[in-house]
Protein backbone atom coordinates (compact mmCIF):
# COMPACT_ATOMS: atom_id res chain seq x y z
CA MET A 1 108.86 91.23 118.66
CA GLN A 2 105.38 92.00 117.41
CA ASN A 3 104.72 94.52 114.68
CA LYS A 4 102.58 97.64 115.19
CA ALA A 5 99.61 98.70 113.12
CA ILE A 6 98.03 101.92 114.36
CA PHE A 7 94.72 103.01 112.84
CA TYR A 8 93.32 106.53 113.25
CA CYS A 9 89.64 106.35 112.37
CA GLY A 10 86.88 108.92 112.54
CA THR A 11 84.69 111.29 110.59
CA ASN A 12 86.04 114.13 108.45
CA GLY A 13 87.42 116.85 110.70
CA SER A 14 87.54 114.67 113.81
CA GLY A 15 91.28 115.19 114.36
CA LYS A 16 92.83 112.03 112.88
CA SER A 17 95.76 113.91 111.33
CA THR A 18 96.35 115.95 114.47
CA LEU A 19 96.38 112.85 116.66
CA ARG A 20 98.66 111.02 114.25
CA SER A 21 101.14 113.93 114.26
CA PHE A 22 101.77 113.30 117.97
CA ASN A 23 102.71 109.66 117.33
CA GLN A 24 104.27 109.54 113.87
CA ASP A 25 107.73 108.39 115.03
CA ALA A 26 106.22 105.18 116.42
CA VAL A 27 106.02 103.55 112.96
CA GLN A 28 108.11 103.14 109.82
CA ILE A 29 105.36 103.87 107.26
CA VAL A 30 102.60 106.47 107.58
CA ILE A 31 99.79 105.67 105.15
CA ASP A 32 97.78 108.83 104.47
CA SER A 33 95.48 108.96 101.44
CA ASP A 34 95.06 112.75 101.69
CA HIS A 35 98.82 113.26 101.55
CA ILE A 36 99.20 110.82 98.65
CA ALA A 37 96.36 112.52 96.71
CA MET A 38 98.07 115.88 97.26
CA GLN A 39 101.30 114.49 95.83
CA ILE A 40 99.48 113.13 92.76
CA ASN A 41 97.46 116.29 92.03
CA PRO A 42 98.47 119.31 94.14
CA GLN A 43 95.99 121.64 92.41
CA ASN A 44 92.96 119.41 93.03
CA PRO A 45 93.73 116.40 95.22
CA ARG A 46 90.11 115.21 95.23
CA LEU A 47 90.54 114.31 91.54
CA ALA A 48 93.29 111.91 92.63
CA ASP A 49 91.28 110.10 95.33
CA ILE A 50 90.91 106.85 93.37
CA ASP A 51 94.59 106.69 92.43
CA ALA A 52 95.53 107.57 96.01
CA GLY A 53 93.27 104.79 97.28
CA ARG A 54 95.05 102.28 95.06
CA LYS A 55 98.43 103.43 96.39
CA VAL A 56 97.13 103.22 99.96
CA MET A 57 96.04 99.62 99.45
CA GLY A 58 99.41 98.79 97.91
CA LEU A 59 101.28 100.31 100.85
CA PHE A 60 98.98 98.52 103.30
CA ARG A 61 99.60 95.14 101.64
CA PHE A 62 103.35 95.82 101.46
CA ALA A 63 103.58 96.74 105.16
CA ILE A 64 101.62 93.62 106.19
CA LYS A 65 103.62 91.29 103.94
CA GLN A 66 106.99 92.73 105.00
CA HIS A 67 106.06 92.95 108.71
CA ILE A 68 106.70 96.72 108.81
CA ASP A 69 105.19 98.91 111.53
CA PHE A 70 102.69 101.36 110.03
CA SER A 71 99.90 103.79 110.78
CA MET A 72 96.89 104.49 108.62
CA LYS A 73 94.06 106.98 108.88
CA SER A 74 90.61 106.35 107.54
CA THR A 75 87.00 107.46 107.75
CA LEU A 76 86.07 103.77 107.25
CA SER A 77 83.41 104.98 104.84
CA GLY A 78 84.67 103.45 101.63
CA ASN A 79 84.96 106.92 100.07
């Protein structure tokens, strides 16, 4: 059986999170930098963007290495 990697990509406000919410049971890991940043710093998640990005990359590598189905949302901007 082949593993699933689902990417939700688009500009800010394009509906990535909304679209993902319709399909979140299709994978084992949902990689969401906004959610991770909110967990790190609930008062000001933008201050946690770099740390969240590091965690996102770690989760991404883990999912690939362990052959775990995952979804990830991104603006593909590098920000």
